[in-house]
Amino acid sequence: MEKDIDVQALSAAIAGFLACHVLTCRFLVQEGVVEKDRFTSYLEAAMAEMAPGIEDKRTLFGLRQLITALRAPPASTAVQ
């Protein structure tokens, strides 16, 4: 049985999945559970190790987004 894939729905699902991981990792760093510099260094090293074996470099987009998010300044925690 052949079915068409809803590309927009698939894209939204993948984006949501990646956003969830990015937010979780940012939270762990913000709360001090994970040391920011060690974690970003680990992710960069992992990406460098994986990159040569990956033909489509877009595959690493999620990892690049995570590293970028971790480098961003922490969100404001002002209470209103």
PDB file of N, CA and C in Angstrom:
ATOM      1  N   MET A   1       0.842  -1.167   0.000  1.00  0.00           N
ATOM      2  CA  MET A   1       0.000   0.000   0.000  1.00  0.00           C
ATOM      3  C   MET A   1       0.901   1.249   0.000  1.00  0.00           C
ATOM      4  N   GLU A   2       0.668   2.114  -0.942  1.00  0.00           N
ATOM      5  CA  GLU A   2       1.488   3.311  -1.083  1.00  0.00           C
ATOM      6  C   GLU A   2       0.714   4.523  -0.567  1.00  0.00           C
ATOM      7  N   LYS A   3       1.368   5.328   0.280  1.00  0.00           N
ATOM      8  CA  LYS A   3       0.733   6.528   0.820  1.00  0.00           C
ATOM      9  C   LYS A   3       1.663   7.711   0.618  1.00  0.00           C
ATOM     10  N   ASP A   4       1.061   8.881   0.430  1.00  0.00           N
ATOM     11  CA  ASP A   4       1.858  10.104   0.324  1.00  0.00           C
ATOM     12  C   ASP A   4       2.273  10.556   1.715  1.00  0.00           C
ATOM     13  N   ILE A   5       3.464  11.110   1.803  1.00  0.00           N
ATOM     14  CA  ILE A   5       3.966  11.634   3.067  1.00  0.00           C
ATOM     15  C   ILE A   5       3.665  13.122   3.125  1.00  0.00           C
ATOM     16  N   ASP A   6       3.089  13.562   4.221  1.00  0.00           N
ATOM     17  CA  ASP A   6       2.824  14.982   4.442  1.00  0.00           C
ATOM     18  C   ASP A   6       4.138  15.610   4.901  1.00  0.00           C
ATOM     19  N   VAL A   7       4.830  16.244   3.983  1.00  0.00           N
ATOM     20  CA  VAL A   7       6.157  16.781   4.254  1.00  0.00           C
ATOM     21  C   VAL A   7       6.110  17.858   5.335  1.00  0.00           C
ATOM     22  N   GLN A   8       5.096  18.697   5.327  1.00  0.00           N
ATOM     23  CA  GLN A   8       4.988  19.745   6.352  1.00  0.00           C
ATOM     24  C   GLN A   8       4.792  19.136   7.734  1.00  0.00           C
ATOM     25  N   ALA A   9       3.974  18.121   7.833  1.00  0.00           N
ATOM     26  CA  ALA A   9       3.742  17.469   9.121  1.00  0.00           C
ATOM     27  C   ALA A   9       5.011  16.776   9.605  1.00  0.00           C
ATOM     28  N   LEU A  10       5.718  16.138   8.723  1.00  0.00           N
ATOM     29  CA  LEU A  10       6.969  15.476   9.077  1.00  0.00           C
ATOM     30  C   LEU A  10       7.997  16.496   9.541  1.00  0.00           C
ATOM     31  N   SER A  11       8.099  17.597   8.816  1.00  0.00           N
ATOM     32  CA  SER A  11       9.023  18.664   9.181  1.00  0.00           C
ATOM     33  C   SER A  11       8.681  19.250  10.548  1.00  0.00           C
ATOM     34  N   ALA A  12       7.418  19.465  10.812  1.00  0.00           N
ATOM     35  CA  ALA A  12       6.980  20.009  12.106  1.00  0.00           C
ATOM     36  C   ALA A  12       7.291  19.035  13.237  1.00  0.00           C
ATOM     37  N   ALA A  13       7.090  17.763  12.998  1.00  0.00           N
ATOM     38  CA  ALA A  13       7.385  16.759  14.021  1.00  0.00           C
ATOM     39  C   ALA A  13       8.870  16.724  14.348  1.00  0.00           C
ATOM     40  N   ILE A  14       9.706  16.780  13.326  1.00  0.00           N
ATOM     41  CA  ILE A  14      11.156  16.768  13.539  1.00  0.00           C
ATOM     42  C   ILE A  14      11.591  18.037  14.261  1.00  0.00           C
ATOM     43  N   ALA A  15      11.060  19.178  13.859  1.00  0.00           N
ATOM     44  CA  ALA A  15      11.399  20.448  14.516  1.00  0.00           C
ATOM     45  C   ALA A  15      10.994  20.420  15.988  1.00  0.00           C
ATOM     46  N   GLY A  16       9.834  19.894  16.283  1.00  0.00           N
ATOM     47  CA  GLY A  16       9.386  19.787  17.669  1.00  0.00           C
ATOM     48  C   GLY A  16      10.273  18.870  18.484  1.00  0.00           C
ATOM     49  N   PHE A  17      10.667  17.770  17.899  1.00  0.00           N
ATOM     50  CA  PHE A  17      11.561  16.819  18.560  1.00  0.00           C
ATOM     51  C   PHE A  17      12.897  17.481  18.892  1.00  0.00           C
ATOM     52  N   LEU A  18      13.464  18.195  17.923  1.00  0.00           N
ATOM     53  CA  LEU A  18      14.742  18.877  18.142  1.00  0.00           C
ATOM     54  C   LEU A  18      14.608  19.992  19.170  1.00  0.00           C
ATOM     55  N   ALA A  19      13.533  20.756  19.090  1.00  0.00           N
ATOM     56  CA  ALA A  19      13.321  21.851  20.043  1.00  0.00           C
ATOM     57  C   ALA A  19      13.233  21.318  21.463  1.00  0.00           C
ATOM     58  N   CYS A  20      12.601  20.191  21.644  1.00  0.00           N
ATOM     59  CA  CYS A  20      12.476  19.586  22.966  1.00  0.00           C
ATOM     60  C   CYS A  20      13.856  19.242  23.528  1.00  0.00           C
ATOM     61  N   HIS A  21      14.718  18.678  22.702  1.00  0.00           N
ATOM     62  CA  HIS A  21      16.072  18.338  23.156  1.00  0.00           C
ATOM     63  C   HIS A  21      16.890  19.590  23.465  1.00  0.00           C
ATOM     64  N   VAL A  22      16.774  20.585  22.621  1.00  0.00           N
ATOM     65  CA  VAL A  22      17.509  21.833  22.840  1.00  0.00           C
ATOM     66  C   VAL A  22      17.079  22.457  24.165  1.00  0.00           C
ATOM     67  N   LEU A  23      15.772  22.547  24.397  1.00  0.00           N
ATOM     68  CA  LEU A  23      15.276  23.143  25.637  1.00  0.00           C
ATOM     69  C   LEU A  23      15.692  22.338  26.864  1.00  0.00           C
ATOM     70  N   THR A  24      15.655  21.028  26.775  1.00  0.00           N
ATOM     71  CA  THR A  24      16.060  20.182  27.894  1.00  0.00           C
ATOM     72  C   THR A  24      17.536  20.404  28.231  1.00  0.00           C
ATOM     73  N   CYS A  25      18.380  20.425  27.219  1.00  0.00           N
ATOM     74  CA  CYS A  25      19.817  20.623  27.451  1.00  0.00           C
ATOM     75  C   CYS A  25      20.103  22.019  27.985  1.00  0.00           C
ATOM     76  N   ARG A  26      19.415  23.030  27.461  1.00  0.00           N
ATOM     77  CA  ARG A  26      19.596  24.389  27.992  1.00  0.00           C
ATOM     78  C   ARG A  26      19.177  24.463  29.453  1.00  0.00           C
ATOM     79  N   PHE A  27      18.093  23.807  29.799  1.00  0.00           N
ATOM     80  CA  PHE A  27      17.634  23.788  31.182  1.00  0.00           C
ATOM     81  C   PHE A  27      18.673  23.132  32.081  1.00  0.00           C
ATOM     82  N   LEU A  28      19.207  21.998  31.672  1.00  0.00           N
ATOM     83  CA  LEU A  28      20.214  21.293  32.476  1.00  0.00           C
ATOM     84  C   LEU A  28      21.449  22.154  32.696  1.00  0.00           C
ATOM     85  N   VAL A  29      21.845  22.902  31.671  1.00  0.00           N
ATOM     86  CA  VAL A  29      22.998  23.803  31.801  1.00  0.00           C
ATOM     87  C   VAL A  29      22.645  24.958  32.730  1.00  0.00           C
ATOM     88  N   GLN A  30      21.488  25.575  32.532  1.00  0.00           N
ATOM     89  CA  GLN A  30      21.070  26.706  33.365  1.00  0.00           C
ATOM     90  C   GLN A  30      20.970  26.324  34.835  1.00  0.00           C
ATOM     91  N   GLU A  31      20.515  25.131  35.120  1.00  0.00           N
ATOM     92  CA  GLU A  31      20.345  24.679  36.497  1.00  0.00           C
ATOM     93  C   GLU A  31      21.639  24.149  37.109  1.00  0.00           C
ATOM     94  N   GLY A  32      22.697  24.108  36.317  1.00  0.00           N
ATOM     95  CA  GLY A  32      23.982  23.658  36.826  1.00  0.00           C
ATOM     96  C   GLY A  32      24.146  22.152  36.899  1.00  0.00           C
ATOM     97  N   VAL A  33      23.227  21.410  36.317  1.00  0.00           N
ATOM     98  CA  VAL A  33      23.325  19.951  36.307  1.00  0.00           C
ATOM     99  C   VAL A  33      24.465  19.518  35.385  1.00  0.00           C
ATOM    100  N   VAL A  34      24.618  20.250  34.302  1.00  0.00           N
ATOM    101  CA  VAL A  34      25.664  19.981  33.313  1.00  0.00           C
ATOM    102  C   VAL A  34      26.511  21.238  33.170  1.00  0.00           C
ATOM    103  N   GLU A  35      27.825  21.071  33.157  1.00  0.00           N
ATOM    104  CA  GLU A  35      28.723  22.222  32.992  1.00  0.00           C
ATOM    105  C   GLU A  35      28.732  22.643  31.523  1.00  0.00           C
ATOM    106  N   LYS A  36      28.377  23.895  31.270  1.00  0.00           N
ATOM    107  CA  LYS A  36      28.195  24.422  29.915  1.00  0.00           C
ATOM    108  C   LYS A  36      29.429  24.220  29.027  1.00  0.00           C
ATOM    109  N   ASP A  37      30.589  24.641  29.485  1.00  0.00           N
ATOM    110  CA  ASP A  37      31.785  24.563  28.641  1.00  0.00           C
ATOM    111  C   ASP A  37      32.179  23.128  28.320  1.00  0.00           C
ATOM    112  N   ARG A  38      32.101  22.248  29.312  1.00  0.00           N
ATOM    113  CA  ARG A  38      32.437  20.838  29.070  1.00  0.00           C
ATOM    114  C   ARG A  38      31.450  20.197  28.111  1.00  0.00           C
ATOM    115  N   PHE A  39      30.177  20.529  28.291  1.00  0.00           N
ATOM    116  CA  PHE A  39      29.145  19.937  27.450  1.00  0.00           C
ATOM    117  C   PHE A  39      29.258  20.408  26.008  1.00  0.00           C
ATOM    118  N   THR A  40      29.458  21.711  25.795  1.00  0.00           N
ATOM    119  CA  THR A  40      29.591  22.201  24.422  1.00  0.00           C
ATOM    120  C   THR A  40      30.855  21.646  23.770  1.00  0.00           C
ATOM    121  N   SER A  41      31.944  21.522  24.535  1.00  0.00           N
ATOM    122  CA  SER A  41      33.166  20.923  23.988  1.00  0.00           C
ATOM    123  C   SER A  41      32.923  19.473  23.582  1.00  0.00           C
ATOM    124  N   TYR A  42      32.195  18.761  24.418  1.00  0.00           N
ATOM    125  CA  TYR A  42      31.866  17.369  24.111  1.00  0.00           C
ATOM    126  C   TYR A  42      31.044  17.279  22.826  1.00  0.00           C
ATOM    127  N   LEU A  43      30.024  18.133  22.708  1.00  0.00           N
ATOM    128  CA  LEU A  43      29.167  18.122  21.520  1.00  0.00           C
ATOM    129  C   LEU A  43      29.954  18.484  20.264  1.00  0.00           C
ATOM    130  N   GLU A  44      30.833  19.474  20.359  1.00  0.00           N
ATOM    131  CA  GLU A  44      31.646  19.868  19.202  1.00  0.00           C
ATOM    132  C   GLU A  44      32.573  18.738  18.777  1.00  0.00           C
ATOM    133  N   ALA A  45      33.175  18.058  19.754  1.00  0.00           N
ATOM    134  CA  ALA A  45      34.061  16.932  19.434  1.00  0.00           C
ATOM    135  C   ALA A  45      33.275  15.789  18.794  1.00  0.00           C
ATOM    136  N   ALA A  46      32.085  15.524  19.333  1.00  0.00           N
ATOM    137  CA  ALA A  46      31.250  14.461  18.773  1.00  0.00           C
ATOM    138  C   ALA A  46      30.854  14.784  17.339  1.00  0.00           C
ATOM    139  N   MET A  47      30.503  16.049  17.096  1.00  0.00           N
ATOM    140  CA  MET A  47      30.116  16.459  15.748  1.00  0.00           C
ATOM    141  C   MET A  47      31.297  16.321  14.793  1.00  0.00           C
ATOM    142  N   ALA A  48      32.483  16.705  15.226  1.00  0.00           N
ATOM    143  CA  ALA A  48      33.678  16.594  14.389  1.00  0.00           C
ATOM    144  C   ALA A  48      33.985  15.128  14.054  1.00  0.00           C
ATOM    145  N   GLU A  49      33.757  14.244  15.007  1.00  0.00           N
ATOM    146  CA  GLU A  49      33.999  12.815  14.778  1.00  0.00           C
ATOM    147  C   GLU A  49      32.980  12.211  13.812  1.00  0.00           C
ATOM    148  N   MET A  50      31.740  12.658  13.900  1.00  0.00           N
ATOM    149  CA  MET A  50      30.675  12.093  13.062  1.00  0.00           C
ATOM    150  C   MET A  50      30.679  12.657  11.642  1.00  0.00           C
ATOM    151  N   ALA A  51      31.092  13.903  11.497  1.00  0.00           N
ATOM    152  CA  ALA A  51      30.966  14.609  10.218  1.00  0.00           C
ATOM    153  C   ALA A  51      31.575  13.878   9.021  1.00  0.00           C
ATOM    154  N   PRO A  52      32.780  13.314   9.139  1.00  0.00           N
ATOM    155  CA  PRO A  52      33.357  12.675   7.947  1.00  0.00           C
ATOM    156  C   PRO A  52      32.531  11.522   7.387  1.00  0.00           C
ATOM    157  N   GLY A  53      31.788  10.824   8.210  1.00  0.00           N
ATOM    158  CA  GLY A  53      31.009   9.677   7.736  1.00  0.00           C
ATOM    159  C   GLY A  53      29.606  10.026   7.278  1.00  0.00           C
ATOM    160  N   ILE A  54      29.252  11.296   7.338  1.00  0.00           N
ATOM    161  CA  ILE A  54      27.898  11.707   6.971  1.00  0.00           C
ATOM    162  C   ILE A  54      27.935  12.445   5.644  1.00  0.00           C
ATOM    163  N   GLU A  55      27.233  11.901   4.657  1.00  0.00           N
ATOM    164  CA  GLU A  55      27.226  12.522   3.333  1.00  0.00           C
ATOM    165  C   GLU A  55      26.465  13.833   3.320  1.00  0.00           C
ATOM    166  N   ASP A  56      25.270  13.833   3.890  1.00  0.00           N
ATOM    167  CA  ASP A  56      24.425  15.028   3.896  1.00  0.00           C
ATOM    168  C   ASP A  56      24.646  15.782   5.204  1.00  0.00           C
ATOM    169  N   LYS A  57      25.376  16.868   5.143  1.00  0.00           N
ATOM    170  CA  LYS A  57      25.746  17.625   6.345  1.00  0.00           C
ATOM    171  C   LYS A  57      24.542  18.240   7.046  1.00  0.00           C
ATOM    172  N   ARG A  58      23.391  18.289   6.375  1.00  0.00           N
ATOM    173  CA  ARG A  58      22.178  18.786   7.034  1.00  0.00           C
ATOM    174  C   ARG A  58      21.771  17.877   8.183  1.00  0.00           C
ATOM    175  N   THR A  59      22.262  16.660   8.175  1.00  0.00           N
ATOM    176  CA  THR A  59      21.974  15.715   9.247  1.00  0.00           C
ATOM    177  C   THR A  59      22.453  16.260  10.593  1.00  0.00           C
ATOM    178  N   LEU A  60      23.502  17.054  10.576  1.00  0.00           N
ATOM    179  CA  LEU A  60      24.071  17.597  11.813  1.00  0.00           C
ATOM    180  C   LEU A  60      23.413  18.906  12.243  1.00  0.00           C
ATOM    181  N   PHE A  61      22.372  19.326  11.538  1.00  0.00           N
ATOM    182  CA  PHE A  61      21.702  20.587  11.845  1.00  0.00           C
ATOM    183  C   PHE A  61      21.239  20.651  13.303  1.00  0.00           C
ATOM    184  N   GLY A  62      20.610  19.605  13.785  1.00  0.00           N
ATOM    185  CA  GLY A  62      20.115  19.585  15.159  1.00  0.00           C
ATOM    186  C   GLY A  62      21.219  19.766  16.179  1.00  0.00           C
ATOM    187  N   LEU A  63      22.343  19.121  15.944  1.00  0.00           N
ATOM    188  CA  LEU A  63      23.479  19.250  16.851  1.00  0.00           C
ATOM    189  C   LEU A  63      24.057  20.655  16.815  1.00  0.00           C
ATOM    190  N   ARG A  64      24.123  21.243  15.618  1.00  0.00           N
ATOM    191  CA  ARG A  64      24.598  22.634  15.510  1.00  0.00           C
ATOM    192  C   ARG A  64      23.656  23.585  16.233  1.00  0.00           C
ATOM    193  N   GLN A  65      22.349  23.336  16.116  1.00  0.00           N
ATOM    194  CA  GLN A  65      21.363  24.175  16.803  1.00  0.00           C
ATOM    195  C   GLN A  65      21.513  24.062  18.314  1.00  0.00           C
ATOM    196  N   LEU A  66      21.780  22.868  18.795  1.00  0.00           N
ATOM    197  CA  LEU A  66      21.957  22.660  20.224  1.00  0.00           C
ATOM    198  C   LEU A  66      23.179  23.414  20.733  1.00  0.00           C
ATOM    199  N   ILE A  67      24.275  23.330  20.020  1.00  0.00           N
ATOM    200  CA  ILE A  67      25.498  24.040  20.419  1.00  0.00           C
ATOM    201  C   ILE A  67      25.263  25.544  20.411  1.00  0.00           C
ATOM    202  N   THR A  68      24.595  26.054  19.399  1.00  0.00           N
ATOM    203  CA  THR A  68      24.286  27.479  19.314  1.00  0.00           C
ATOM    204  C   THR A  68      23.403  27.912  20.485  1.00  0.00           C
ATOM    205  N   ALA A  69      22.407  27.095  20.804  1.00  0.00           N
ATOM    206  CA  ALA A  69      21.498  27.425  21.904  1.00  0.00           C
ATOM    207  C   ALA A  69      22.225  27.439  23.239  1.00  0.00           C
ATOM    208  N   LEU A  70      23.159  26.539  23.420  1.00  0.00           N
ATOM    209  CA  LEU A  70      23.896  26.495  24.679  1.00  0.00           C
ATOM    210  C   LEU A  70      24.828  27.693  24.830  1.00  0.00           C
ATOM    211  N   ARG A  71      25.315  28.205  23.727  1.00  0.00           N
ATOM    212  CA  ARG A  71      26.206  29.372  23.778  1.00  0.00           C
ATOM    213  C   ARG A  71      25.441  30.677  24.002  1.00  0.00           C
ATOM    214  N   ALA A  72      24.140  30.656  23.739  1.00  0.00           N
ATOM    215  CA  ALA A  72      23.321  31.866  23.890  1.00  0.00           C
ATOM    216  C   ALA A  72      23.257  32.259  25.361  1.00  0.00           C
ATOM    217  N   PRO A  73      23.118  33.559  25.621  1.00  0.00           N
ATOM    218  CA  PRO A  73      23.015  33.988  27.021  1.00  0.00           C
ATOM    219  C   PRO A  73      21.783  33.362  27.673  1.00  0.00           C
ATOM    220  N   PRO A  74      21.860  33.113  28.981  1.00  0.00           N
ATOM    221  CA  PRO A  74      20.719  32.505  29.650  1.00  0.00           C
ATOM    222  C   PRO A  74      19.472  33.380  29.576  1.00  0.00           C
ATOM    223  N   ALA A  75      18.344  32.733  29.562  1.00  0.00           N
ATOM    224  CA  ALA A  75      17.074  33.462  29.517  1.00  0.00           C
ATOM    225  C   ALA A  75      16.884  34.222  30.819  1.00  0.00           C
ATOM    226  N   SER A  76      16.193  35.334  30.728  1.00  0.00           N
ATOM    227  CA  SER A  76      15.911  36.142  31.897  1.00  0.00           C
ATOM    228  C   SER A  76      15.037  35.358  32.863  1.00  0.00           C
ATOM    229  N   THR A  77      15.371  35.452  34.143  1.00  0.00           N
ATOM    230  CA  THR A  77      14.594  34.737  35.152  1.00  0.00           C
ATOM    231  C   THR A  77      13.859  35.733  36.061  1.00  0.00           C
ATOM    232  N   ALA A  78      13.575  36.908  35.532  1.00  0.00           N
ATOM    233  CA  ALA A  78      12.888  37.940  36.313  1.00  0.00           C
ATOM    234  C   ALA A  78      11.476  37.482  36.675  1.00  0.00           C
ATOM    235  N   VAL A  79      11.112  37.683  37.918  1.00  0.00           N
ATOM    236  CA  VAL A  79       9.773  37.332  38.380  1.00  0.00           C
ATOM    237  C   VAL A  79       8.919  38.589  38.410  1.00  0.00           C
ATOM    238  N   GLN A  80       7.716  38.476  37.870  1.00  0.00           N
ATOM    239  CA  GLN A  80       6.828  39.650  37.829  1.00  0.00           C
ATOM    240  C   GLN A  80       5.850  39.613  38.974  1.00  0.00           C
TER     241      GLN A  80
END
